Full PDB file with SEQRES, HELIX, SHEET, SSBOND, CRYST1, ORIGX, SCALE, CONECT and MASTER records, all heavy atoms in Angstrom:
SEQRES   1 A   43  ILE VAL SER THR GLY SER GLU ARG GLU TYR ARG ALA ARG          
SEQRES   2 A   43  TYR LEU ILE LEU ALA MET GLY GLN LEU SER ARG PRO LYS          
SEQRES   3 A   43  ASN THR ILE TYR PRO GLY GLN GLU ASN TYR ARG GLY ARG          
SEQRES   4 A   43  VAL LEU TYR SER                                              
HELIX    1 AA1 GLN A   33  ASN A   35  5                                   3    
SHEET    1 AA1 2 VAL A   2  SER A   3  0                                        
SHEET    2 AA1 2 GLU A   9  TYR A  10 -1                                        
CRYST1    1.000    1.000    1.000  90.00  90.00  90.00 P 1           1          
ORIGX1      1.000000  0.000000  0.000000        0.00000                         
ORIGX2      0.000000  1.000000  0.000000        0.00000                         
ORIGX3      0.000000  0.000000  1.000000        0.00000                         
SCALE1      1.000000  0.000000  0.000000        0.00000                         
SCALE2      0.000000  1.000000  0.000000        0.00000                         
SCALE3      0.000000  0.000000  1.000000        0.00000                         
ATOM      1  N   ILE A   1      72.627  -2.651 102.912  1.00  0.00           N  
ATOM      2  CA  ILE A   1      72.516  -2.791 104.425  1.00  0.00           C  
ATOM      3  C   ILE A   1      73.660  -2.026 105.002  1.00  0.00           C  
ATOM      4  O   ILE A   1      74.807  -2.341 104.747  1.00  0.00           O  
ATOM      5  CB  ILE A   1      72.511  -4.288 104.776  1.00  0.00           C  
ATOM      6  CG1 ILE A   1      71.456  -5.069 104.072  1.00  0.00           C  
ATOM      7  CG2 ILE A   1      72.451  -4.413 106.263  1.00  0.00           C  
ATOM      8  CD1 ILE A   1      71.583  -6.560 104.130  1.00  0.00           C  
ATOM      9  N   VAL A   2      73.343  -1.038 105.773  1.00  0.00           N  
ATOM     10  CA  VAL A   2      74.397  -0.129 106.277  1.00  0.00           C  
ATOM     11  C   VAL A   2      74.487  -0.179 107.801  1.00  0.00           C  
ATOM     12  O   VAL A   2      73.442  -0.095 108.511  1.00  0.00           O  
ATOM     13  CB  VAL A   2      73.949   1.358 105.811  1.00  0.00           C  
ATOM     14  CG1 VAL A   2      74.946   2.386 106.421  1.00  0.00           C  
ATOM     15  CG2 VAL A   2      74.006   1.506 104.353  1.00  0.00           C  
ATOM     16  N   SER A   3      75.722  -0.308 108.221  1.00  0.00           N  
ATOM     17  CA  SER A   3      76.040  -0.394 109.625  1.00  0.00           C  
ATOM     18  C   SER A   3      76.801   0.862 109.993  1.00  0.00           C  
ATOM     19  O   SER A   3      77.618   1.407 109.293  1.00  0.00           O  
ATOM     20  CB  SER A   3      76.883  -1.558 109.971  1.00  0.00           C  
ATOM     21  OG  SER A   3      76.199  -2.720 109.694  1.00  0.00           O  
ATOM     22  N   THR A   4      76.479   1.422 111.259  1.00  0.00           N  
ATOM     23  CA  THR A   4      77.042   2.647 111.644  1.00  0.00           C  
ATOM     24  C   THR A   4      77.760   2.496 113.003  1.00  0.00           C  
ATOM     25  O   THR A   4      78.109   3.607 113.646  1.00  0.00           O  
ATOM     26  CB  THR A   4      75.992   3.732 111.791  1.00  0.00           C  
ATOM     27  OG1 THR A   4      74.958   3.258 112.702  1.00  0.00           O  
ATOM     28  CG2 THR A   4      75.341   3.948 110.403  1.00  0.00           C  
ATOM     29  N   GLY A   5      77.995   1.374 113.571  1.00  0.00           N  
ATOM     30  CA  GLY A   5      78.688   1.195 114.786  1.00  0.00           C  
ATOM     31  C   GLY A   5      77.779   1.244 116.028  1.00  0.00           C  
ATOM     32  O   GLY A   5      78.146   1.202 117.117  1.00  0.00           O  
ATOM     33  N   SER A   6      76.443   1.541 115.680  1.00  0.00           N  
ATOM     34  CA  SER A   6      75.426   1.481 116.758  1.00  0.00           C  
ATOM     35  C   SER A   6      74.500   0.287 116.593  1.00  0.00           C  
ATOM     36  O   SER A   6      74.659  -0.492 115.628  1.00  0.00           O  
ATOM     37  CB  SER A   6      74.664   2.845 116.799  1.00  0.00           C  
ATOM     38  OG  SER A   6      73.836   2.926 115.651  1.00  0.00           O  
ATOM     39  N   GLU A   7      73.552   0.183 117.347  1.00  0.00           N  
ATOM     40  CA  GLU A   7      72.504  -0.853 117.137  1.00  0.00           C  
ATOM     41  C   GLU A   7      71.695  -0.590 115.897  1.00  0.00           C  
ATOM     42  O   GLU A   7      70.931  -1.495 115.499  1.00  0.00           O  
ATOM     43  CB  GLU A   7      71.676  -0.974 118.421  1.00  0.00           C  
ATOM     44  CG  GLU A   7      72.461  -1.381 119.637  1.00  0.00           C  
ATOM     45  CD  GLU A   7      71.549  -1.634 120.864  1.00  0.00           C  
ATOM     46  OE1 GLU A   7      70.401  -1.299 120.688  1.00  0.00           O  
ATOM     47  OE2 GLU A   7      72.073  -2.008 121.933  1.00  0.00           O  
ATOM     48  N   ARG A   8      71.628   0.642 115.499  1.00  0.00           N  
ATOM     49  CA  ARG A   8      70.778   0.946 114.384  1.00  0.00           C  
ATOM     50  C   ARG A   8      71.373   0.531 113.105  1.00  0.00           C  
ATOM     51  O   ARG A   8      72.483   0.716 112.750  1.00  0.00           O  
ATOM     52  CB  ARG A   8      70.583   2.533 114.388  1.00  0.00           C  
ATOM     53  CG  ARG A   8      69.675   2.989 113.346  1.00  0.00           C  
ATOM     54  CD  ARG A   8      69.515   4.537 113.468  1.00  0.00           C  
ATOM     55  NE  ARG A   8      68.861   4.891 114.670  1.00  0.00           N  
ATOM     56  CZ  ARG A   8      68.743   6.162 115.070  1.00  0.00           C  
ATOM     57  NH1 ARG A   8      69.241   7.129 114.405  1.00  0.00           N  
ATOM     58  NH2 ARG A   8      68.117   6.431 116.230  1.00  0.00           N  
ATOM     59  N   GLU A   9      70.484  -0.086 112.297  1.00  0.00           N  
ATOM     60  CA  GLU A   9      70.914  -0.558 110.913  1.00  0.00           C  
ATOM     61  C   GLU A   9      69.991   0.055 109.934  1.00  0.00           C  
ATOM     62  O   GLU A   9      68.792   0.082 110.128  1.00  0.00           O  
ATOM     63  CB  GLU A   9      70.930  -2.089 110.925  1.00  0.00           C  
ATOM     64  CG  GLU A   9      71.398  -2.718 109.549  1.00  0.00           C  
ATOM     65  CD  GLU A   9      71.362  -4.204 109.659  1.00  0.00           C  
ATOM     66  OE1 GLU A   9      70.287  -4.751 109.345  1.00  0.00           O  
ATOM     67  OE2 GLU A   9      72.445  -4.785 109.871  1.00  0.00           O  
ATOM     68  N   TYR A  10      70.572   0.465 108.777  1.00  0.00           N  
ATOM     69  CA  TYR A  10      69.723   1.107 107.679  1.00  0.00           C  
ATOM     70  C   TYR A  10      69.677   0.055 106.529  1.00  0.00           C  
ATOM     71  O   TYR A  10      70.712  -0.460 106.201  1.00  0.00           O  
ATOM     72  CB  TYR A  10      70.337   2.314 107.289  1.00  0.00           C  
ATOM     73  CG  TYR A  10      70.414   3.481 108.304  1.00  0.00           C  
ATOM     74  CD1 TYR A  10      71.504   3.460 109.225  1.00  0.00           C  
ATOM     75  CD2 TYR A  10      69.507   4.450 108.441  1.00  0.00           C  
ATOM     76  CE1 TYR A  10      71.567   4.460 110.159  1.00  0.00           C  
ATOM     77  CE2 TYR A  10      69.567   5.431 109.376  1.00  0.00           C  
ATOM     78  CZ  TYR A  10      70.579   5.468 110.295  1.00  0.00           C  
ATOM     79  OH  TYR A  10      70.678   6.403 111.213  1.00  0.00           O  
ATOM     80  N   ARG A  11      68.499   0.026 105.934  1.00  0.00           N  
ATOM     81  CA  ARG A  11      68.312  -0.697 104.714  1.00  0.00           C  
ATOM     82  C   ARG A  11      67.753   0.155 103.709  1.00  0.00           C  
ATOM     83  O   ARG A  11      66.612   0.759 103.909  1.00  0.00           O  
ATOM     84  CB  ARG A  11      67.467  -1.996 104.930  1.00  0.00           C  
ATOM     85  CG  ARG A  11      68.067  -3.053 105.769  1.00  0.00           C  
ATOM     86  CD  ARG A  11      67.153  -4.172 106.070  1.00  0.00           C  
ATOM     87  NE  ARG A  11      67.782  -5.123 106.900  1.00  0.00           N  
ATOM     88  CZ  ARG A  11      68.397  -6.314 106.347  1.00  0.00           C  
ATOM     89  NH1 ARG A  11      68.252  -6.589 105.093  1.00  0.00           N  
ATOM     90  NH2 ARG A  11      69.001  -7.214 107.238  1.00  0.00           N  
ATOM     91  N   ALA A  12      68.440   0.404 102.577  1.00  0.00           N  
ATOM     92  CA  ALA A  12      68.015   1.416 101.606  1.00  0.00           C  
ATOM     93  C   ALA A  12      68.207   0.832 100.254  1.00  0.00           C  
ATOM     94  O   ALA A  12      69.147   0.175  99.922  1.00  0.00           O  
ATOM     95  CB  ALA A  12      68.842   2.676 101.717  1.00  0.00           C  
ATOM     96  N   ARG A  13      67.228   1.125  99.373  1.00  0.00           N  
ATOM     97  CA  ARG A  13      67.337   0.747  97.964  1.00  0.00           C  
ATOM     98  C   ARG A  13      68.496   1.455  97.307  1.00  0.00           C  
ATOM     99  O   ARG A  13      69.322   0.839  96.582  1.00  0.00           O  
ATOM    100  CB  ARG A  13      66.042   1.122  97.179  1.00  0.00           C  
ATOM    101  CG  ARG A  13      66.040   0.874  95.740  1.00  0.00           C  
ATOM    102  CD  ARG A  13      65.979  -0.538  95.400  1.00  0.00           C  
ATOM    103  NE  ARG A  13      64.680  -1.023  95.769  1.00  0.00           N  
ATOM    104  CZ  ARG A  13      64.374  -2.374  95.828  1.00  0.00           C  
ATOM    105  NH1 ARG A  13      65.285  -3.215  95.556  1.00  0.00           N  
ATOM    106  NH2 ARG A  13      63.199  -2.800  96.221  1.00  0.00           N  
ATOM    107  N   TYR A  14      68.748   2.657  97.608  1.00  0.00           N  
ATOM    108  CA  TYR A  14      69.798   3.430  97.011  1.00  0.00           C  
ATOM    109  C   TYR A  14      70.733   3.992  98.041  1.00  0.00           C  
ATOM    110  O   TYR A  14      70.295   4.565  99.146  1.00  0.00           O  
ATOM    111  CB  TYR A  14      69.242   4.586  96.206  1.00  0.00           C  
ATOM    112  CG  TYR A  14      68.236   4.153  95.112  1.00  0.00           C  
ATOM    113  CD1 TYR A  14      66.942   4.450  95.186  1.00  0.00           C  
ATOM    114  CD2 TYR A  14      68.817   3.422  93.985  1.00  0.00           C  
ATOM    115  CE1 TYR A  14      66.087   4.038  94.175  1.00  0.00           C  
ATOM    116  CE2 TYR A  14      67.937   2.967  93.014  1.00  0.00           C  
ATOM    117  CZ  TYR A  14      66.588   3.328  93.089  1.00  0.00           C  
ATOM    118  OH  TYR A  14      65.727   2.849  92.084  1.00  0.00           O  
ATOM    119  N   LEU A  15      71.987   3.888  97.810  1.00  0.00           N  
ATOM    120  CA  LEU A  15      73.032   4.481  98.675  1.00  0.00           C  
ATOM    121  C   LEU A  15      73.792   5.568  98.005  1.00  0.00           C  
ATOM    122  O   LEU A  15      74.318   5.476  96.909  1.00  0.00           O  
ATOM    123  CB  LEU A  15      74.086   3.364  99.039  1.00  0.00           C  
ATOM    124  CG  LEU A  15      75.241   3.797  99.968  1.00  0.00           C  
ATOM    125  CD1 LEU A  15      74.701   4.220 101.383  1.00  0.00           C  
ATOM    126  CD2 LEU A  15      76.271   2.670 100.046  1.00  0.00           C  
ATOM    127  N   ILE A  16      73.675   6.803  98.570  1.00  0.00           N  
ATOM    128  CA  ILE A  16      74.211   7.978  97.852  1.00  0.00           C  
ATOM    129  C   ILE A  16      75.326   8.500  98.747  1.00  0.00           C  
ATOM    130  O   ILE A  16      75.104   9.009  99.930  1.00  0.00           O  
ATOM    131  CB  ILE A  16      73.104   9.086  97.618  1.00  0.00           C  
ATOM    132  CG1 ILE A  16      72.124   8.443  96.787  1.00  0.00           C  
ATOM    133  CG2 ILE A  16      73.734  10.295  97.089  1.00  0.00           C  
ATOM    134  CD1 ILE A  16      70.770   9.263  96.582  1.00  0.00           C  
ATOM    135  N   LEU A  17      76.585   8.547  98.219  1.00  0.00           N  
ATOM    136  CA  LEU A  17      77.789   8.904  98.986  1.00  0.00           C  
ATOM    137  C   LEU A  17      78.103  10.391  98.710  1.00  0.00           C  
ATOM    138  O   LEU A  17      78.488  10.742  97.550  1.00  0.00           O  
ATOM    139  CB  LEU A  17      78.906   8.076  98.640  1.00  0.00           C  
ATOM    140  CG  LEU A  17      78.735   6.549  98.778  1.00  0.00           C  
ATOM    141  CD1 LEU A  17      79.855   5.717  98.295  1.00  0.00           C  
ATOM    142  CD2 LEU A  17      78.390   6.198 100.200  1.00  0.00           C  
ATOM    143  N   ALA A  18      77.744  11.209  99.649  1.00  0.00           N  
ATOM    144  CA  ALA A  18      77.987  12.743  99.476  1.00  0.00           C  
ATOM    145  C   ALA A  18      79.004  13.115 100.543  1.00  0.00           C  
ATOM    146  O   ALA A  18      78.676  14.039 101.280  1.00  0.00           O  
ATOM    147  CB  ALA A  18      76.628  13.405  99.588  1.00  0.00           C  
ATOM    148  N   MET A  19      80.071  12.431 100.683  1.00  0.00           N  
ATOM    149  CA  MET A  19      81.009  12.632 101.796  1.00  0.00           C  
ATOM    150  C   MET A  19      82.065  13.775 101.538  1.00  0.00           C  
ATOM    151  O   MET A  19      82.807  14.136 102.444  1.00  0.00           O  
ATOM    152  CB  MET A  19      81.705  11.322 102.113  1.00  0.00           C  
ATOM    153  CG  MET A  19      80.751  10.410 102.666  1.00  0.00           C  
ATOM    154  SD  MET A  19      80.753   8.845 101.766  1.00  0.00           S  
ATOM    155  CE  MET A  19      82.047   7.924 102.467  1.00  0.00           C  
ATOM    156  N   GLY A  20      82.038  14.289 100.236  1.00  0.00           N  
ATOM    157  CA  GLY A  20      82.976  15.386  99.982  1.00  0.00           C  
ATOM    158  C   GLY A  20      84.368  14.898  99.611  1.00  0.00           C  
ATOM    159  O   GLY A  20      84.796  13.758  99.877  1.00  0.00           O  
ATOM    160  N   GLN A  21      85.027  15.729  98.895  1.00  0.00           N  
ATOM    161  CA  GLN A  21      86.388  15.463  98.323  1.00  0.00           C  
ATOM    162  C   GLN A  21      87.459  15.762  99.360  1.00  0.00           C  
ATOM    163  O   GLN A  21      88.593  15.243  99.335  1.00  0.00           O  
ATOM    164  CB  GLN A  21      86.668  16.210  97.022  1.00  0.00           C  
ATOM    165  CG  GLN A  21      85.585  16.002  95.991  1.00  0.00           C  
ATOM    166  CD  GLN A  21      84.406  16.896  96.287  1.00  0.00           C  
ATOM    167  OE1 GLN A  21      84.460  17.949  96.918  1.00  0.00           O  
ATOM    168  NE2 GLN A  21      83.308  16.560  95.609  1.00  0.00           N  
ATOM    169  N   LEU A  22      87.131  16.734 100.260  1.00  0.00           N  
ATOM    170  CA  LEU A  22      88.099  17.296 101.184  1.00  0.00           C  
ATOM    171  C   LEU A  22      87.569  16.992 102.667  1.00  0.00           C  
ATOM    172  O   LEU A  22      87.503  17.896 103.491  1.00  0.00           O  
ATOM    173  CB  LEU A  22      88.277  18.785 100.961  1.00  0.00           C  
ATOM    174  CG  LEU A  22      88.713  19.163  99.573  1.00  0.00           C  
ATOM    175  CD1 LEU A  22      88.687  20.663  99.451  1.00  0.00           C  
ATOM    176  CD2 LEU A  22      90.136  18.609  99.233  1.00  0.00           C  
ATOM    177  N   SER A  23      87.371  15.731 102.989  1.00  0.00           N  
ATOM    178  CA  SER A  23      86.789  15.429 104.244  1.00  0.00           C  
ATOM    179  C   SER A  23      87.624  14.364 104.964  1.00  0.00           C  
ATOM    180  O   SER A  23      87.197  13.825 106.050  1.00  0.00           O  
ATOM    181  CB  SER A  23      85.401  14.922 104.101  1.00  0.00           C  
ATOM    182  OG  SER A  23      85.221  13.818 103.155  1.00  0.00           O  
ATOM    183  N   ARG A  24      88.710  13.885 104.338  1.00  0.00           N  
ATOM    184  CA  ARG A  24      89.578  12.821 104.941  1.00  0.00           C  
ATOM    185  C   ARG A  24      90.973  13.557 105.161  1.00  0.00           C  
ATOM    186  O   ARG A  24      91.841  13.452 104.359  1.00  0.00           O  
ATOM    187  CB  ARG A  24      89.671  11.666 104.108  1.00  0.00           C  
ATOM    188  CG  ARG A  24      90.502  10.505 104.704  1.00  0.00           C  
ATOM    189  CD  ARG A  24      89.682   9.789 105.737  1.00  0.00           C  
ATOM    190  NE  ARG A  24      90.392   8.598 106.211  1.00  0.00           N  
ATOM    191  CZ  ARG A  24      89.959   7.810 107.254  1.00  0.00           C  
ATOM    192  NH1 ARG A  24      88.788   8.151 107.787  1.00  0.00           N  
ATOM    193  NH2 ARG A  24      90.617   6.825 107.606  1.00  0.00           N  
ATOM    194  N   PRO A  25      91.194  14.282 106.312  1.00  0.00           N  
ATOM    195  CA  PRO A  25      92.429  14.899 106.482  1.00  0.00           C  
ATOM    196  C   PRO A  25      93.575  13.924 106.511  1.00  0.00           C  
ATOM    197  O   PRO A  25      93.492  12.873 107.005  1.00  0.00           O  
ATOM    198  CB  PRO A  25      92.254  15.642 107.868  1.00  0.00           C  
ATOM    199  CG  PRO A  25      90.819  15.669 108.102  1.00  0.00           C  
ATOM    200  CD  PRO A  25      90.280  14.438 107.361  1.00  0.00           C  
ATOM    201  N   LYS A  26      94.703  14.391 106.082  1.00  0.00           N  
ATOM    202  CA  LYS A  26      95.973  13.676 106.218  1.00  0.00           C  
ATOM    203  C   LYS A  26      96.302  13.609 107.720  1.00  0.00           C  
ATOM    204  O   LYS A  26      96.272  14.690 108.427  1.00  0.00           O  
ATOM    205  CB  LYS A  26      97.125  14.199 105.530  1.00  0.00           C  
ATOM    206  CG  LYS A  26      96.964  14.239 103.989  1.00  0.00           C  
ATOM    207  CD  LYS A  26      98.276  14.932 103.406  1.00  0.00           C  
ATOM    208  CE  LYS A  26      98.086  15.195 101.926  1.00  0.00           C  
ATOM    209  NZ  LYS A  26      99.311  15.906 101.356  1.00  0.00           N  
ATOM    210  N   ASN A  27      96.579  12.497 108.289  1.00  0.00           N  
ATOM    211  CA  ASN A  27      97.093  12.416 109.629  1.00  0.00           C  
ATOM    212  C   ASN A  27      98.608  12.514 109.711  1.00  0.00           C  
ATOM    213  O   ASN A  27      99.321  11.600 110.018  1.00  0.00           O  
ATOM    214  CB  ASN A  27      96.615  11.051 110.218  1.00  0.00           C  
ATOM    215  CG  ASN A  27      96.885  10.924 111.692  1.00  0.00           C  
ATOM    216  OD1 ASN A  27      96.939  11.937 112.409  1.00  0.00           O  
ATOM    217  ND2 ASN A  27      97.120   9.710 112.230  1.00  0.00           N  
ATOM    218  N   THR A  28      99.129  13.737 109.411  1.00  0.00           N  
ATOM    219  CA  THR A  28     100.545  13.929 109.326  1.00  0.00           C  
ATOM    220  C   THR A  28     101.162  13.919 110.722  1.00  0.00           C  
ATOM    221  O   THR A  28     100.691  14.567 111.609  1.00  0.00           O  
ATOM    222  CB  THR A  28     100.795  15.295 108.678  1.00  0.00           C  
ATOM    223  OG1 THR A  28     100.076  15.456 107.501  1.00  0.00           O  
ATOM    224  CG2 THR A  28     102.314  15.399 108.375  1.00  0.00           C  
ATOM    225  N   ILE A  29     102.108  13.050 110.880  1.00  0.00           N  
ATOM    226  CA  ILE A  29     102.930  12.926 112.108  1.00  0.00           C  
ATOM    227  C   ILE A  29     104.383  12.826 111.743  1.00  0.00           C  
ATOM    228  O   ILE A  29     104.783  12.037 110.899  1.00  0.00           O  
ATOM    229  CB  ILE A  29     102.406  11.706 112.953  1.00  0.00           C  
ATOM    230  CG1 ILE A  29     100.975  11.912 113.392  1.00  0.00           C  
ATOM    231  CG2 ILE A  29     103.378  11.533 114.127  1.00  0.00           C  
ATOM    232  CD1 ILE A  29     100.367  10.647 114.072  1.00  0.00           C  
ATOM    233  N   TYR A  30     105.189  13.613 112.517  1.00  0.00           N  
ATOM    234  CA  TYR A  30     106.639  13.486 112.326  1.00  0.00           C  
ATOM    235  C   TYR A  30     107.260  12.747 113.539  1.00  0.00           C  
ATOM    236  O   TYR A  30     106.658  12.655 114.626  1.00  0.00           O  
ATOM    237  CB  TYR A  30     107.331  14.809 112.237  1.00  0.00           C  
ATOM    238  CG  TYR A  30     107.262  15.533 110.901  1.00  0.00           C  
ATOM    239  CD1 TYR A  30     106.177  16.421 110.562  1.00  0.00           C  
ATOM    240  CD2 TYR A  30     108.200  15.189 109.875  1.00  0.00           C  
ATOM    241  CE1 TYR A  30     106.140  16.946 109.336  1.00  0.00           C  
ATOM    242  CE2 TYR A  30     108.088  15.816 108.631  1.00  0.00           C  
ATOM    243  CZ  TYR A  30     107.069  16.716 108.400  1.00  0.00           C  
ATOM    244  OH  TYR A  30     106.956  17.289 107.078  1.00  0.00           O  
ATOM    245  N   PRO A  31     108.411  12.105 113.276  1.00  0.00           N  
ATOM    246  CA  PRO A  31     109.025  11.372 114.423  1.00  0.00           C  
ATOM    247  C   PRO A  31     109.183  12.309 115.651  1.00  0.00           C  
ATOM    248  O   PRO A  31     109.490  13.535 115.457  1.00  0.00           O  
ATOM    249  CB  PRO A  31     110.438  11.003 113.851  1.00  0.00           C  
ATOM    250  CG  PRO A  31     110.176  10.911 112.414  1.00  0.00           C  
ATOM    251  CD  PRO A  31     109.259  12.006 112.133  1.00  0.00           C  
ATOM    252  N   GLY A  32     109.057  11.749 116.797  1.00  0.00           N  
ATOM    253  CA  GLY A  32     109.320  12.524 118.011  1.00  0.00           C  
ATOM    254  C   GLY A  32     108.153  13.383 118.494  1.00  0.00           C  
ATOM    255  O   GLY A  32     108.252  13.981 119.489  1.00  0.00           O  
ATOM    256  N   GLN A  33     107.031  13.340 117.707  1.00  0.00           N  
ATOM    257  CA  GLN A  33     105.892  14.281 118.009  1.00  0.00           C  
ATOM    258  C   GLN A  33     105.396  13.962 119.411  1.00  0.00           C  
ATOM    259  O   GLN A  33     104.845  14.902 120.118  1.00  0.00           O  
ATOM    260  CB  GLN A  33     104.917  14.151 116.901  1.00  0.00           C  
ATOM    261  CG  GLN A  33     103.753  15.211 117.014  1.00  0.00           C  
ATOM    262  CD  GLN A  33     102.960  15.299 115.802  1.00  0.00           C  
ATOM    263  OE1 GLN A  33     103.414  15.337 114.698  1.00  0.00           O  
ATOM    264  NE2 GLN A  33     101.614  15.298 115.905  1.00  0.00           N  
ATOM    265  N   GLU A  34     105.433  12.730 119.827  1.00  0.00           N  
ATOM    266  CA  GLU A  34     104.886  12.344 121.132  1.00  0.00           C  
ATOM    267  C   GLU A  34     105.616  12.991 122.238  1.00  0.00           C  
ATOM    268  O   GLU A  34     105.085  13.091 123.387  1.00  0.00           O  
ATOM    269  CB  GLU A  34     104.832  10.834 121.233  1.00  0.00           C  
ATOM    270  CG  GLU A  34     106.203  10.174 121.381  1.00  0.00           C  
ATOM    271  CD  GLU A  34     107.021   9.996 120.048  1.00  0.00           C  
ATOM    272  OE1 GLU A  34     106.376  10.401 119.069  1.00  0.00           O  
ATOM    273  OE2 GLU A  34     108.022   9.307 120.071  1.00  0.00           O  
ATOM    274  N   ASN A  35     106.918  13.478 122.001  1.00  0.00           N  
ATOM    275  CA  ASN A  35     107.640  14.049 123.088  1.00  0.00           C  
ATOM    276  C   ASN A  35     107.535  15.650 123.115  1.00  0.00           C  
ATOM    277  O   ASN A  35     108.026  16.254 124.033  1.00  0.00           O  
ATOM    278  CB  ASN A  35     109.127  13.751 122.858  1.00  0.00           C  
ATOM    279  CG  ASN A  35     109.440  12.218 122.802  1.00  0.00           C  
ATOM    280  OD1 ASN A  35     108.854  11.564 123.625  1.00  0.00           O  
ATOM    281  ND2 ASN A  35     110.202  11.843 121.907  1.00  0.00           N  
ATOM    282  N   TYR A  36     106.832  16.103 122.145  1.00  0.00           N  
ATOM    283  CA  TYR A  36     106.661  17.546 122.061  1.00  0.00           C  
ATOM    284  C   TYR A  36     105.698  18.068 123.105  1.00  0.00           C  
ATOM    285  O   TYR A  36     104.561  17.511 123.249  1.00  0.00           O  
ATOM    286  CB  TYR A  36     106.129  17.934 120.719  1.00  0.00           C  
ATOM    287  CG  TYR A  36     105.747  19.388 120.496  1.00  0.00           C  
ATOM    288  CD1 TYR A  36     106.640  20.435 120.715  1.00  0.00           C  
ATOM    289  CD2 TYR A  36     104.434  19.753 120.049  1.00  0.00           C  
ATOM    290  CE1 TYR A  36     106.303  21.761 120.558  1.00  0.00           C  
ATOM    291  CE2 TYR A  36     104.067  21.077 119.830  1.00  0.00           C  
ATOM    292  CZ  TYR A  36     104.998  22.094 120.098  1.00  0.00           C  
ATOM    293  OH  TYR A  36     104.633  23.355 119.985  1.00  0.00           O  
ATOM    294  N   ARG A  37     106.010  19.136 123.893  1.00  0.00           N  
ATOM    295  CA  ARG A  37     105.190  19.538 125.030  1.00  0.00           C  
ATOM    296  C   ARG A  37     104.190  20.616 124.684  1.00  0.00           C  
ATOM    297  O   ARG A  37     103.460  21.121 125.477  1.00  0.00           O  
ATOM    298  CB  ARG A  37     106.222  20.013 126.140  1.00  0.00           C  
ATOM    299  CG  ARG A  37     106.980  18.883 126.750  1.00  0.00           C  
ATOM    300  CD  ARG A  37     107.478  19.197 128.164  1.00  0.00           C  
ATOM    301  NE  ARG A  37     108.433  20.306 128.127  1.00  0.00           N  
ATOM    302  CZ  ARG A  37     109.703  20.165 128.368  1.00  0.00           C  
ATOM    303  NH1 ARG A  37     110.217  18.963 128.710  1.00  0.00           N  
ATOM    304  NH2 ARG A  37     110.565  21.132 128.385  1.00  0.00           N  
ATOM    305  N   GLY A  38     104.360  21.194 123.393  1.00  0.00           N  
ATOM    306  CA  GLY A  38     103.454  22.204 123.029  1.00  0.00           C  
ATOM    307  C   GLY A  38     102.134  21.690 122.505  1.00  0.00           C  
ATOM    308  O   GLY A  38     101.846  20.483 122.621  1.00  0.00           O  
ATOM    309  N   ARG A  39     101.447  22.442 121.778  1.00  0.00           N  
ATOM    310  CA  ARG A  39     100.081  22.069 121.279  1.00  0.00           C  
ATOM    311  C   ARG A  39     100.184  21.877 119.736  1.00  0.00           C  
ATOM    312  O   ARG A  39     100.727  22.648 119.053  1.00  0.00           O  
ATOM    313  CB  ARG A  39      99.013  23.163 121.585  1.00  0.00           C  
ATOM    314  CG  ARG A  39      97.635  22.749 121.261  1.00  0.00           C  
ATOM    315  CD  ARG A  39      96.633  23.788 121.699  1.00  0.00           C  
ATOM    316  NE  ARG A  39      95.218  23.353 121.508  1.00  0.00           N  
ATOM    317  CZ  ARG A  39      94.179  24.040 121.775  1.00  0.00           C  
ATOM    318  NH1 ARG A  39      94.352  25.312 122.272  1.00  0.00           N  
ATOM    319  NH2 ARG A  39      92.966  23.545 121.603  1.00  0.00           N  
ATOM    320  N   VAL A  40      99.655  20.726 119.345  1.00  0.00           N  
ATOM    321  CA  VAL A  40      99.538  20.387 117.945  1.00  0.00           C  
ATOM    322  C   VAL A  40      98.134  20.541 117.463  1.00  0.00           C  
ATOM    323  O   VAL A  40      97.184  19.947 118.038  1.00  0.00           O  
ATOM    324  CB  VAL A  40     100.020  18.930 117.692  1.00  0.00           C  
ATOM    325  CG1 VAL A  40      99.918  18.616 116.091  1.00  0.00           C  
ATOM    326  CG2 VAL A  40     101.468  18.796 118.032  1.00  0.00           C  
ATOM    327  N   LEU A  41      97.888  21.265 116.296  1.00  0.00           N  
ATOM    328  CA  LEU A  41      96.549  21.481 115.818  1.00  0.00           C  
ATOM    329  C   LEU A  41      96.576  21.078 114.279  1.00  0.00           C  
ATOM    330  O   LEU A  41      97.648  21.140 113.618  1.00  0.00           O  
ATOM    331  CB  LEU A  41      96.188  22.940 115.876  1.00  0.00           C  
ATOM    332  CG  LEU A  41      96.109  23.540 117.345  1.00  0.00           C  
ATOM    333  CD1 LEU A  41      95.928  25.018 117.258  1.00  0.00           C  
ATOM    334  CD2 LEU A  41      94.885  22.879 118.083  1.00  0.00           C  
ATOM    335  N   TYR A  42      95.460  20.739 113.780  1.00  0.00           N  
ATOM    336  CA  TYR A  42      95.249  20.431 112.398  1.00  0.00           C  
ATOM    337  C   TYR A  42      94.191  21.426 111.865  1.00  0.00           C  
ATOM    338  O   TYR A  42      93.115  21.571 112.469  1.00  0.00           O  
ATOM    339  CB  TYR A  42      94.785  18.996 112.153  1.00  0.00           C  
ATOM    340  CG  TYR A  42      95.872  17.974 112.458  1.00  0.00           C  
ATOM    341  CD1 TYR A  42      96.135  17.488 113.761  1.00  0.00           C  
ATOM    342  CD2 TYR A  42      96.621  17.452 111.382  1.00  0.00           C  
ATOM    343  CE1 TYR A  42      97.160  16.642 113.979  1.00  0.00           C  
ATOM    344  CE2 TYR A  42      97.593  16.523 111.640  1.00  0.00           C  
ATOM    345  CZ  TYR A  42      97.843  16.100 112.991  1.00  0.00           C  
ATOM    346  OH  TYR A  42      98.845  15.188 113.290  1.00  0.00           O  
ATOM    347  N   SER A  43      94.415  22.058 110.718  1.00  0.00           N  
ATOM    348  CA  SER A  43      93.597  23.030 110.168  1.00  0.00           C  
ATOM    349  C   SER A  43      92.191  22.421 109.862  1.00  0.00           C  
ATOM    350  O   SER A  43      91.162  23.066 110.001  1.00  0.00           O  
ATOM    351  CB  SER A  43      94.194  23.646 108.911  1.00  0.00           C  
ATOM    352  OG  SER A  43      94.412  22.756 107.915  1.00  0.00           O  
TER     353      SER A  43                                                      
MASTER        0    0    0    1    2    0    0    6  352    1    0    4          
END                                                                             
C-alpha cells in the first residue's frame, strides 16, 4: 500500500524500487551560508 502525499493511493502486488544510486544529493551547507548575497547552485 503506497502513499504519495496526494489523495491517490496505490495497491500493488509487487513494489519495484528503481530510484537510482545517484538520486539523493547531499544537502551540503556551510555555516553562514544564509548571509551570503550571491547565488548558490547544486550540480
